[in-house]
């Protein structure tokens, strides 16, 4: 897990969340996040899973086993599907948004969908 601390810090900063905010979301102490980012401790598997879900990446990416951002696992709702380059770019752009912009985008899409459903 030699890359874990670097990846965690990078993902957290790119997401625009503080150590305190991340700690609250995955239900650990601020000190735990600080220790993980400074390479002084390693998280339990349950926290790795929570982190991968929060950052929408694979655990393998988090721990440095692969450089492929990936997704944590295929689901019945979103099975492994070949994505077009435009779809891949949309996902890449989405991942780069701050949590606040992601929330705004979700609300916008929900409103558009509701408007479409009304037709």
Protein backbone atom coordinates (compact mmCIF):
# COMPACT_ATOMS: atom_id res chain seq x y z
CA UNK A 1 0.00 0.00 0.00
CA UNK A 2 2.91 2.27 -0.70
CA UNK A 3 0.84 4.63 -2.89
CA UNK A 4 -2.25 4.63 -0.68
CA UNK A 5 -1.39 7.73 1.35
CA UNK A 6 -0.57 9.75 -1.78
CA UNK A 7 -3.71 8.64 -3.59
CA UNK A 8 -5.93 9.31 -0.59
CA UNK A 9 -4.60 12.85 -0.21
CA UNK A 10 -4.88 13.52 -3.95
CA UNK A 11 -8.44 12.21 -4.19
CA UNK A 12 -9.54 14.11 -1.09
CA UNK A 13 -8.03 17.38 -2.31
CA UNK A 14 -9.46 16.94 -5.81
CA UNK A 15 -12.88 16.32 -4.27
CA UNK A 16 -12.51 19.52 -2.26
CA UNK A 17 -13.23 17.89 1.09
CA UNK A 18 -11.37 18.42 4.34
CA UNK A 19 -9.98 15.60 6.46
CA UNK A 20 -12.77 16.34 8.95
CA UNK A 21 -15.49 16.06 6.29
CA UNK A 22 -14.09 12.80 4.93
CA UNK A 23 -13.77 11.40 8.44
CA UNK A 24 -17.42 12.17 9.12
CA UNK A 25 -18.58 10.52 5.90
CA UNK A 26 -16.72 7.25 6.45
CA UNK A 27 -17.20 7.35 10.22
CA UNK A 28 -13.61 7.53 11.52
CA UNK A 29 -11.69 10.13 13.48
CA UNK A 30 -9.90 13.08 11.89
CA UNK A 31 -6.71 11.61 13.32
CA UNK A 32 -7.23 8.39 11.35
CA UNK A 33 -7.43 10.28 8.06
CA UNK A 34 -4.33 12.28 9.00
CA UNK A 35 -2.39 9.10 9.89
CA UNK A 36 -3.45 7.41 6.66
CA UNK A 37 -2.40 10.39 4.53
CA UNK A 38 0.95 10.63 6.32
CA UNK A 39 1.66 6.91 5.99
CA UNK A 40 1.59 6.34 9.75
CA UNK A 41 -1.26 3.82 9.67
CA UNK A 42 -3.32 1.80 7.22
CA UNK A 43 -7.11 1.53 7.18
CA UNK A 44 -9.08 -1.65 7.75
CA UNK A 45 -10.66 -3.21 4.67
CA UNK A 46 -14.10 -1.86 5.64
CA UNK A 47 -12.73 1.70 5.46
CA UNK A 48 -11.00 1.01 2.15
CA UNK A 49 -14.37 -0.02 0.76
CA UNK A 50 -16.04 3.12 2.14
CA UNK A 51 -13.27 5.26 0.65
CA UNK A 52 -13.60 3.59 -2.75
CA UNK A 53 -17.36 4.14 -2.69
CA UNK A 54 -16.94 7.78 -1.67
CA UNK A 55 -14.33 8.52 -4.35
CA UNK A 56 -16.03 6.21 -6.88
CA UNK A 57 -12.84 4.31 -7.63
CA UNK A 58 -11.63 0.76 -7.15
CA UNK A 59 -9.89 -0.39 -3.98
CA UNK A 60 -7.06 -1.57 -6.24
CA UNK A 61 -6.61 2.01 -7.44
CA UNK A 62 -6.65 3.35 -3.87
CA UNK A 63 -3.93 0.99 -2.67
CA UNK A 64 -1.76 1.47 -5.76
CA UNK A 65 -2.22 -1.99 -7.22
CA UNK A 66 -3.37 -0.45 -10.51
CA UNK A 67 -3.35 2.95 -12.17
CA UNK A 68 -6.76 2.23 -13.68
CA UNK A 69 -9.25 4.34 -11.71
CA UNK A 70 -11.93 1.74 -12.38
CA UNK A 71 -15.09 1.34 -10.42
CA UNK A 72 -15.38 -0.60 -7.20
CA UNK A 73 -17.59 -3.32 -8.73
CA UNK A 74 -20.13 -3.83 -11.47
CA UNK A 75 -23.71 -3.89 -10.29
CA UNK A 76 -26.93 -5.29 -11.66
CA UNK A 77 -28.03 -1.71 -12.40
CA UNK A 78 -24.80 -0.79 -14.18
CA UNK A 79 -23.18 -3.98 -15.50
CA UNK A 80 -19.86 -3.90 -17.28
CA UNK A 81 -20.67 -2.06 -20.47
CA UNK A 82 -18.49 -0.74 -23.25
CA UNK A 83 -18.55 3.04 -22.95
CA UNK A 84 -18.07 5.37 -25.88
CA UNK A 85 -15.27 7.92 -25.72
CA UNK A 86 -17.85 10.66 -25.11
CA UNK A 87 -19.30 8.70 -22.17
CA UNK A 88 -15.82 8.09 -20.74
CA UNK A 89 -15.07 11.82 -21.02
CA UNK A 90 -18.34 12.67 -19.25
CA UNK A 91 -17.43 10.35 -16.39
CA UNK A 92 -13.90 11.76 -16.20
CA UNK A 93 -15.27 15.32 -16.10
CA UNK A 94 -17.83 14.34 -13.46
CA UNK A 95 -15.15 12.80 -11.22
CA UNK A 96 -13.23 16.09 -11.34
CA UNK A 97 -16.19 18.11 -10.00
CA UNK A 98 -16.36 19.21 -6.38
CA UNK A 99 -18.94 17.45 -4.17
CA UNK A 100 -21.11 20.59 -4.28
CA UNK A 101 -21.12 20.68 -8.08
CA UNK A 102 -21.84 16.95 -8.22
CA UNK A 103 -24.86 17.51 -5.95
CA UNK A 104 -26.04 20.39 -8.15
CA UNK A 105 -25.66 18.24 -11.26
CA UNK A 106 -27.66 15.42 -9.66
CA UNK A 107 -30.48 17.83 -8.81
CA UNK A 108 -30.43 19.26 -12.34
CA UNK A 109 -30.61 15.82 -13.92
CA UNK A 110 -33.42 14.83 -11.55
CA UNK A 111 -35.37 17.95 -12.54
CA UNK A 112 -34.82 17.25 -16.24
CA UNK A 113 -35.91 13.65 -15.79
CA UNK A 114 -39.06 14.69 -13.91
CA UNK A 115 -39.88 17.17 -16.65
CA UNK A 116 -39.37 14.44 -19.24
CA UNK A 117 -41.61 12.06 -17.25
CA UNK A 118 -44.39 14.66 -17.25
CA UNK A 119 -44.61 14.55 -21.05
